[in-house]
Amino acid sequence: MAFPLYYLLLPVALFGLVYVIFVLLDLYHLVSFADLHLCSFVVTFIFLAGVVYITFWAWTLAAPLNWQESLNIFNNVTFSAPTF
């Protein structure tokens, strides 16, 4: 069984979408219900800077990969009884 490597990006994209939704909800609740002090701004800035930093390095490491390459799994696996 073989499939292209870019199929592995679909769960990553789904996770990223869910993560962005939660971050936007978190920022909305922070702005709506929290006191806007320097501390909350600094913590939010550090959090978003960390997200940008991790995203940048993930993109940098994933960019040189050939996503059209096929990934072979269960290539030599047979489910029949061995014959002697």
PDB file of N, CA and C in Angstrom:
ATOM      1  N   MET A   1       0.845  -1.172   0.000  1.00  0.00           N
ATOM      2  CA  MET A   1       0.000   0.000   0.000  1.00  0.00           C
ATOM      3  C   MET A   1       0.892   1.237   0.000  1.00  0.00           C
ATOM      4  N   ALA A   2       0.621   2.142  -0.883  1.00  0.00           N
ATOM      5  CA  ALA A   2       1.410   3.366  -0.977  1.00  0.00           C
ATOM      6  C   ALA A   2       0.463   4.561  -1.085  1.00  0.00           C
ATOM      7  N   PHE A   3       0.880   5.648  -0.490  1.00  0.00           N
ATOM      8  CA  PHE A   3       0.124   6.885  -0.617  1.00  0.00           C
ATOM      9  C   PHE A   3       1.093   8.050  -0.629  1.00  0.00           C
ATOM     10  N   PRO A   4       0.680   9.170  -1.228  1.00  0.00           N
ATOM     11  CA  PRO A   4       1.574  10.338  -1.276  1.00  0.00           C
ATOM     12  C   PRO A   4       1.806  10.903   0.127  1.00  0.00           C
ATOM     13  N   LEU A   5       2.956  11.492   0.296  1.00  0.00           N
ATOM     14  CA  LEU A   5       3.348  12.030   1.590  1.00  0.00           C
ATOM     15  C   LEU A   5       2.474  13.208   2.018  1.00  0.00           C
ATOM     16  N   TYR A   6       1.869  13.908   1.056  1.00  0.00           N
ATOM     17  CA  TYR A   6       1.056  15.062   1.430  1.00  0.00           C
ATOM     18  C   TYR A   6      -0.231  14.672   2.138  1.00  0.00           C
ATOM     19  N   TYR A   7      -0.588  13.390   2.139  1.00  0.00           N
ATOM     20  CA  TYR A   7      -1.742  12.948   2.930  1.00  0.00           C
ATOM     21  C   TYR A   7      -1.499  13.169   4.425  1.00  0.00           C
ATOM     22  N   LEU A   8      -0.245  13.175   4.828  1.00  0.00           N
ATOM     23  CA  LEU A   8       0.081  13.418   6.224  1.00  0.00           C
ATOM     24  C   LEU A   8      -0.152  14.868   6.626  1.00  0.00           C
ATOM     25  N   LEU A   9      -0.256  15.757   5.652  1.00  0.00           N
ATOM     26  CA  LEU A   9      -0.509  17.160   5.956  1.00  0.00           C
ATOM     27  C   LEU A   9      -1.967  17.430   6.308  1.00  0.00           C
ATOM     28  N   LEU A  10      -2.866  16.539   5.936  1.00  0.00           N
ATOM     29  CA  LEU A  10      -4.285  16.754   6.231  1.00  0.00           C
ATOM     30  C   LEU A  10      -4.577  16.754   7.731  1.00  0.00           C
ATOM     31  N   PRO A  11      -4.095  15.790   8.521  1.00  0.00           N
ATOM     32  CA  PRO A  11      -4.313  15.891   9.965  1.00  0.00           C
ATOM     33  C   PRO A  11      -3.610  17.093  10.593  1.00  0.00           C
ATOM     34  N   VAL A  12      -2.461  17.457  10.057  1.00  0.00           N
ATOM     35  CA  VAL A  12      -1.753  18.631  10.570  1.00  0.00           C
ATOM     36  C   VAL A  12      -2.561  19.892  10.299  1.00  0.00           C
ATOM     37  N   ALA A  13      -3.145  19.990   9.108  1.00  0.00           N
ATOM     38  CA  ALA A  13      -3.972  21.148   8.777  1.00  0.00           C
ATOM     39  C   ALA A  13      -5.233  21.195   9.640  1.00  0.00           C
ATOM     40  N   LEU A  14      -5.828  20.040   9.894  1.00  0.00           N
ATOM     41  CA  LEU A  14      -7.004  19.989  10.761  1.00  0.00           C
ATOM     42  C   LEU A  14      -6.649  20.420  12.179  1.00  0.00           C
ATOM     43  N   PHE A  15      -5.530  19.943  12.697  1.00  0.00           N
ATOM     44  CA  PHE A  15      -5.075  20.364  14.012  1.00  0.00           C
ATOM     45  C   PHE A  15      -4.805  21.863  14.040  1.00  0.00           C
ATOM     46  N   GLY A  16      -4.173  22.385  12.988  1.00  0.00           N
ATOM     47  CA  GLY A  16      -3.898  23.822  12.917  1.00  0.00           C
ATOM     48  C   GLY A  16      -5.171  24.647  12.897  1.00  0.00           C
ATOM     49  N   LEU A  17      -6.187  24.171  12.172  1.00  0.00           N
ATOM     50  CA  LEU A  17      -7.461  24.888  12.125  1.00  0.00           C
ATOM     51  C   LEU A  17      -8.132  24.918  13.491  1.00  0.00           C
ATOM     52  N   VAL A  18      -8.153  23.784  14.174  1.00  0.00           N
ATOM     53  CA  VAL A  18      -8.737  23.734  15.516  1.00  0.00           C
ATOM     54  C   VAL A  18      -7.942  24.624  16.469  1.00  0.00           C
ATOM     55  N   TYR A  19      -6.620  24.615  16.341  1.00  0.00           N
ATOM     56  CA  TYR A  19      -5.765  25.440  17.194  1.00  0.00           C
ATOM     57  C   TYR A  19      -6.038  26.921  16.962  1.00  0.00           C
ATOM     58  N   VAL A  20      -6.189  27.330  15.716  1.00  0.00           N
ATOM     59  CA  VAL A  20      -6.476  28.736  15.412  1.00  0.00           C
ATOM     60  C   VAL A  20      -7.833  29.139  15.977  1.00  0.00           C
ATOM     61  N   ILE A  21      -8.812  28.263  15.888  1.00  0.00           N
ATOM     62  CA  ILE A  21     -10.136  28.567  16.448  1.00  0.00           C
ATOM     63  C   ILE A  21     -10.031  28.771  17.957  1.00  0.00           C
ATOM     64  N   PHE A  22      -9.303  27.887  18.651  1.00  0.00           N
ATOM     65  CA  PHE A  22      -9.151  28.041  20.095  1.00  0.00           C
ATOM     66  C   PHE A  22      -8.364  29.299  20.458  1.00  0.00           C
ATOM     67  N   VAL A  23      -7.353  29.652  19.682  1.00  0.00           N
ATOM     68  CA  VAL A  23      -6.591  30.874  19.958  1.00  0.00           C
ATOM     69  C   VAL A  23      -7.472  32.099  19.774  1.00  0.00           C
ATOM     70  N   LEU A  24      -8.281  32.111  18.711  1.00  0.00           N
ATOM     71  CA  LEU A  24      -9.170  33.251  18.500  1.00  0.00           C
ATOM     72  C   LEU A  24     -10.210  33.364  19.608  1.00  0.00           C
ATOM     73  N   LEU A  25     -10.746  32.235  20.062  1.00  0.00           N
ATOM     74  CA  LEU A  25     -11.680  32.264  21.189  1.00  0.00           C
ATOM     75  C   LEU A  25     -10.987  32.742  22.457  1.00  0.00           C
ATOM     76  N   ASP A  26      -9.761  32.323  22.668  1.00  0.00           N
ATOM     77  CA  ASP A  26      -9.005  32.754  23.840  1.00  0.00           C
ATOM     78  C   ASP A  26      -8.752  34.260  23.800  1.00  0.00           C
ATOM     79  N   LEU A  27      -8.363  34.766  22.651  1.00  0.00           N
ATOM     80  CA  LEU A  27      -8.129  36.207  22.533  1.00  0.00           C
ATOM     81  C   LEU A  27      -9.424  36.994  22.704  1.00  0.00           C
ATOM     82  N   TYR A  28     -10.518  36.467  22.184  1.00  0.00           N
ATOM     83  CA  TYR A  28     -11.809  37.130  22.363  1.00  0.00           C
ATOM     84  C   TYR A  28     -12.183  37.205  23.844  1.00  0.00           C
ATOM     85  N   HIS A  29     -12.026  36.105  24.561  1.00  0.00           N
ATOM     86  CA  HIS A  29     -12.350  36.116  25.982  1.00  0.00           C
ATOM     87  C   HIS A  29     -11.394  36.993  26.774  1.00  0.00           C
ATOM     88  N   LEU A  30     -10.148  37.044  26.356  1.00  0.00           N
ATOM     89  CA  LEU A  30      -9.191  37.900  27.037  1.00  0.00           C
ATOM     90  C   LEU A  30      -9.570  39.370  26.883  1.00  0.00           C
ATOM     91  N   VAL A  31      -9.946  39.758  25.680  1.00  0.00           N
ATOM     92  CA  VAL A  31     -10.316  41.155  25.434  1.00  0.00           C
ATOM     93  C   VAL A  31     -11.667  41.484  26.070  1.00  0.00           C
ATOM     94  N   SER A  32     -12.595  40.552  26.027  1.00  0.00           N
ATOM     95  CA  SER A  32     -13.954  40.824  26.515  1.00  0.00           C
ATOM     96  C   SER A  32     -14.061  40.809  28.026  1.00  0.00           C
ATOM     97  N   PHE A  33     -13.423  39.847  28.675  1.00  0.00           N
ATOM     98  CA  PHE A  33     -13.696  39.630  30.083  1.00  0.00           C
ATOM     99  C   PHE A  33     -12.525  39.890  31.020  1.00  0.00           C
ATOM    100  N   ALA A  34     -11.331  40.013  30.530  1.00  0.00           N
ATOM    101  CA  ALA A  34     -10.171  40.203  31.399  1.00  0.00           C
ATOM    102  C   ALA A  34      -9.849  41.689  31.529  1.00  0.00           C
ATOM    103  N   ASP A  35      -9.151  41.996  32.592  1.00  0.00           N
ATOM    104  CA  ASP A  35      -8.646  43.352  32.747  1.00  0.00           C
ATOM    105  C   ASP A  35      -7.456  43.521  31.814  1.00  0.00           C
ATOM    106  N   LEU A  36      -7.469  44.603  31.083  1.00  0.00           N
ATOM    107  CA  LEU A  36      -6.394  44.851  30.120  1.00  0.00           C
ATOM    108  C   LEU A  36      -5.251  45.565  30.832  1.00  0.00           C
ATOM    109  N   HIS A  37      -4.334  44.781  31.351  1.00  0.00           N
ATOM    110  CA  HIS A  37      -3.152  45.303  32.019  1.00  0.00           C
ATOM    111  C   HIS A  37      -1.936  44.974  31.179  1.00  0.00           C
ATOM    112  N   LEU A  38      -0.836  45.525  31.587  1.00  0.00           N
ATOM    113  CA  LEU A  38       0.413  45.251  30.888  1.00  0.00           C
ATOM    114  C   LEU A  38       0.771  43.768  30.977  1.00  0.00           C
ATOM    115  N   CYS A  39       0.472  43.158  32.106  1.00  0.00           N
ATOM    116  CA  CYS A  39       0.812  41.736  32.288  1.00  0.00           C
ATOM    117  C   CYS A  39       0.047  40.853  31.295  1.00  0.00           C
ATOM    118  N   SER A  40      -1.249  41.089  31.131  1.00  0.00           N
ATOM    119  CA  SER A  40      -2.016  40.273  30.190  1.00  0.00           C
ATOM    120  C   SER A  40      -1.555  40.516  28.754  1.00  0.00           C
ATOM    121  N   PHE A  41      -1.179  41.747  28.434  1.00  0.00           N
ATOM    122  CA  PHE A  41      -0.660  42.037  27.098  1.00  0.00           C
ATOM    123  C   PHE A  41       0.665  41.333  26.859  1.00  0.00           C
ATOM    124  N   VAL A  42       1.555  41.354  27.845  1.00  0.00           N
ATOM    125  CA  VAL A  42       2.872  40.732  27.694  1.00  0.00           C
ATOM    126  C   VAL A  42       2.738  39.217  27.553  1.00  0.00           C
ATOM    127  N   VAL A  43       1.875  38.603  28.381  1.00  0.00           N
ATOM    128  CA  VAL A  43       1.695  37.154  28.302  1.00  0.00           C
ATOM    129  C   VAL A  43       1.087  36.765  26.958  1.00  0.00           C
ATOM    130  N   THR A  44       0.109  37.526  26.481  1.00  0.00           N
ATOM    131  CA  THR A  44      -0.493  37.248  25.180  1.00  0.00           C
ATOM    132  C   THR A  44       0.526  37.422  24.063  1.00  0.00           C
ATOM    133  N   PHE A  45       1.351  38.457  24.147  1.00  0.00           N
ATOM    134  CA  PHE A  45       2.375  38.682  23.144  1.00  0.00           C
ATOM    135  C   PHE A  45       3.398  37.544  23.137  1.00  0.00           C
ATOM    136  N   ILE A  46       3.821  37.094  24.320  1.00  0.00           N
ATOM    137  CA  ILE A  46       4.782  35.988  24.394  1.00  0.00           C
ATOM    138  C   ILE A  46       4.172  34.719  23.821  1.00  0.00           C
ATOM    139  N   PHE A  47       2.898  34.463  24.128  1.00  0.00           N
ATOM    140  CA  PHE A  47       2.225  33.286  23.595  1.00  0.00           C
ATOM    141  C   PHE A  47       2.161  33.332  22.072  1.00  0.00           C
ATOM    142  N   LEU A  48       1.723  34.458  21.514  1.00  0.00           N
ATOM    143  CA  LEU A  48       1.612  34.569  20.056  1.00  0.00           C
ATOM    144  C   LEU A  48       2.984  34.552  19.380  1.00  0.00           C
ATOM    145  N   ALA A  49       3.979  35.148  20.028  1.00  0.00           N
ATOM    146  CA  ALA A  49       5.339  35.101  19.480  1.00  0.00           C
ATOM    147  C   ALA A  49       5.855  33.662  19.469  1.00  0.00           C
ATOM    148  N   GLY A  50       5.537  32.889  20.500  1.00  0.00           N
ATOM    149  CA  GLY A  50       5.928  31.482  20.527  1.00  0.00           C
ATOM    150  C   GLY A  50       5.249  30.689  19.431  1.00  0.00           C
ATOM    151  N   VAL A  51       3.969  30.966  19.186  1.00  0.00           N
ATOM    152  CA  VAL A  51       3.242  30.283  18.107  1.00  0.00           C
ATOM    153  C   VAL A  51       3.864  30.618  16.753  1.00  0.00           C
ATOM    154  N   VAL A  52       4.189  31.877  16.537  1.00  0.00           N
ATOM    155  CA  VAL A  52       4.819  32.283  15.274  1.00  0.00           C
ATOM    156  C   VAL A  52       6.193  31.636  15.137  1.00  0.00           C
ATOM    157  N   TYR A  53       6.951  31.571  16.220  1.00  0.00           N
ATOM    158  CA  TYR A  53       8.285  30.963  16.199  1.00  0.00           C
ATOM    159  C   TYR A  53       8.205  29.475  15.850  1.00  0.00           C
ATOM    160  N   ILE A  54       7.302  28.750  16.492  1.00  0.00           N
ATOM    161  CA  ILE A  54       7.154  27.318  16.221  1.00  0.00           C
ATOM    162  C   ILE A  54       6.669  27.089  14.797  1.00  0.00           C
ATOM    163  N   THR A  55       5.729  27.910  14.330  1.00  0.00           N
ATOM    164  CA  THR A  55       5.216  27.779  12.971  1.00  0.00           C
ATOM    165  C   THR A  55       6.310  28.052  11.943  1.00  0.00           C
ATOM    166  N   PHE A  56       7.121  29.064  12.196  1.00  0.00           N
ATOM    167  CA  PHE A  56       8.221  29.379  11.285  1.00  0.00           C
ATOM    168  C   PHE A  56       9.195  28.207  11.160  1.00  0.00           C
ATOM    169  N   TRP A  57       9.600  27.620  12.281  1.00  0.00           N
ATOM    170  CA  TRP A  57      10.569  26.530  12.222  1.00  0.00           C
ATOM    171  C   TRP A  57       9.956  25.259  11.651  1.00  0.00           C
ATOM    172  N   ALA A  58       8.683  25.025  11.898  1.00  0.00           N
ATOM    173  CA  ALA A  58       8.031  23.865  11.285  1.00  0.00           C
ATOM    174  C   ALA A  58       7.971  24.037   9.772  1.00  0.00           C
ATOM    175  N   TRP A  59       7.643  25.237   9.320  1.00  0.00           N
ATOM    176  CA  TRP A  59       7.607  25.522   7.881  1.00  0.00           C
ATOM    177  C   TRP A  59       9.006  25.390   7.274  1.00  0.00           C
ATOM    178  N   THR A  60      10.013  25.883   7.974  1.00  0.00           N
ATOM    179  CA  THR A  60      11.383  25.812   7.484  1.00  0.00           C
ATOM    180  C   THR A  60      11.855  24.361   7.357  1.00  0.00           C
ATOM    181  N   LEU A  61      11.487  23.518   8.310  1.00  0.00           N
ATOM    182  CA  LEU A  61      11.904  22.124   8.250  1.00  0.00           C
ATOM    183  C   LEU A  61      11.105  21.317   7.229  1.00  0.00           C
ATOM    184  N   ALA A  62       9.839  21.688   6.995  1.00  0.00           N
ATOM    185  CA  ALA A  62       8.994  20.930   6.077  1.00  0.00           C
ATOM    186  C   ALA A  62       9.127  21.383   4.623  1.00  0.00           C
ATOM    187  N   ALA A  63       9.656  22.565   4.392  1.00  0.00           N
ATOM    188  CA  ALA A  63       9.719  23.112   3.034  1.00  0.00           C
ATOM    189  C   ALA A  63      10.583  22.287   2.073  1.00  0.00           C
ATOM    190  N   PRO A  64      11.753  21.800   2.483  1.00  0.00           N
ATOM    191  CA  PRO A  64      12.567  21.076   1.499  1.00  0.00           C
ATOM    192  C   PRO A  64      12.078  19.665   1.184  1.00  0.00           C
ATOM    193  N   LEU A  65      11.077  19.166   1.871  1.00  0.00           N
ATOM    194  CA  LEU A  65      10.590  17.814   1.607  1.00  0.00           C
ATOM    195  C   LEU A  65       9.838  17.754   0.282  1.00  0.00           C
ATOM    196  N   ASN A  66       9.969  16.625  -0.389  1.00  0.00           N
ATOM    197  CA  ASN A  66       9.216  16.381  -1.610  1.00  0.00           C
ATOM    198  C   ASN A  66       7.886  15.736  -1.207  1.00  0.00           C
ATOM    199  N   TRP A  67       6.833  16.513  -1.189  1.00  0.00           N
ATOM    200  CA  TRP A  67       5.539  16.038  -0.704  1.00  0.00           C
ATOM    201  C   TRP A  67       4.830  15.161  -1.725  1.00  0.00           C
ATOM    202  N   GLN A  68       5.362  15.046  -2.944  1.00  0.00           N
ATOM    203  CA  GLN A  68       4.783  14.168  -3.954  1.00  0.00           C
ATOM    204  C   GLN A  68       5.329  12.736  -3.851  1.00  0.00           C
ATOM    205  N   GLU A  69       6.356  12.543  -3.039  1.00  0.00           N
ATOM    206  CA  GLU A  69       6.959  11.221  -2.869  1.00  0.00           C
ATOM    207  C   GLU A  69       5.953  10.259  -2.246  1.00  0.00           C
ATOM    208  N   SER A  70       5.987   9.014  -2.705  1.00  0.00           N
ATOM    209  CA  SER A  70       5.075   8.001  -2.171  1.00  0.00           C
ATOM    210  C   SER A  70       5.676   7.356  -0.936  1.00  0.00           C
ATOM    211  N   LEU A  71       4.817   7.047   0.004  1.00  0.00           N
ATOM    212  CA  LEU A  71       5.218   6.363   1.222  1.00  0.00           C
ATOM    213  C   LEU A  71       4.664   4.946   1.160  1.00  0.00           C
ATOM    214  N   ASN A  72       5.554   3.967   1.178  1.00  0.00           N
ATOM    215  CA  ASN A  72       5.152   2.560   1.087  1.00  0.00           C
ATOM    216  C   ASN A  72       5.069   1.963   2.485  1.00  0.00           C
ATOM    217  N   ILE A  73       3.910   1.425   2.808  1.00  0.00           N
ATOM    218  CA  ILE A  73       3.760   0.703   4.059  1.00  0.00           C
ATOM    219  C   ILE A  73       3.168  -0.668   3.748  1.00  0.00           C
ATOM    220  N   PHE A  74       3.469  -1.622   4.569  1.00  0.00           N
ATOM    221  CA  PHE A  74       3.019  -2.997   4.387  1.00  0.00           C
ATOM    222  C   PHE A  74       3.404  -3.519   3.000  1.00  0.00           C
ATOM    223  N   ASN A  75       4.625  -3.227   2.587  1.00  0.00           N
ATOM    224  CA  ASN A  75       5.060  -3.613   1.245  1.00  0.00           C
ATOM    225  C   ASN A  75       5.257  -5.117   1.117  1.00  0.00           C
ATOM    226  N   ASN A  76       5.885  -5.732   2.105  1.00  0.00           N
ATOM    227  CA  ASN A  76       6.197  -7.157   2.011  1.00  0.00           C
ATOM    228  C   ASN A  76       5.403  -7.982   3.010  1.00  0.00           C
ATOM    229  N   VAL A  77       4.279  -7.478   3.463  1.00  0.00           N
ATOM    230  CA  VAL A  77       3.485  -8.195   4.448  1.00  0.00           C
ATOM    231  C   VAL A  77       2.438  -9.031   3.726  1.00  0.00           C
ATOM    232  N   THR A  78       2.394 -10.302   4.059  1.00  0.00           N
ATOM    233  CA  THR A  78       1.354 -11.175   3.523  1.00  0.00           C
ATOM    234  C   THR A  78       0.589 -11.769   4.701  1.00  0.00           C
ATOM    235  N   PHE A  79      -0.678 -12.013   4.504  1.00  0.00           N
ATOM    236  CA  PHE A  79      -1.516 -12.550   5.552  1.00  0.00           C
ATOM    237  C   PHE A  79      -1.877 -14.016   5.294  1.00  0.00           C
ATOM    238  N   SER A  80      -1.096 -14.671   4.497  1.00  0.00           N
ATOM    239  CA  SER A  80      -1.333 -16.087   4.251  1.00  0.00           C
ATOM    240  C   SER A  80      -0.309 -16.907   5.062  1.00  0.00           C
ATOM    241  N   ALA A  81      -0.658 -18.148   5.258  1.00  0.00           N
ATOM    242  CA  ALA A  81       0.230 -19.032   6.031  1.00  0.00           C
ATOM    243  C   ALA A  81       1.480 -19.326   5.219  1.00  0.00           C
ATOM    244  N   PRO A  82       2.614 -19.399   5.877  1.00  0.00           N
ATOM    245  CA  PRO A  82       3.838 -19.704   5.131  1.00  0.00           C
ATOM    246  C   PRO A  82       3.828 -21.137   4.632  1.00  0.00           C
ATOM    247  N   THR A  83       4.358 -21.305   3.452  1.00  0.00           N
ATOM    248  CA  THR A  83       4.470 -22.656   2.879  1.00  0.00           C
ATOM    249  C   THR A  83       5.915 -23.110   2.964  1.00  0.00           C
ATOM    250  N   PHE A  84       6.086 -24.339   3.361  1.00  0.00           N
ATOM    251  CA  PHE A  84       7.446 -24.883   3.503  1.00  0.00           C
ATOM    252  C   PHE A  84       7.692 -25.975   2.513  1.00  0.00           C
TER     253      PHE A  84
END
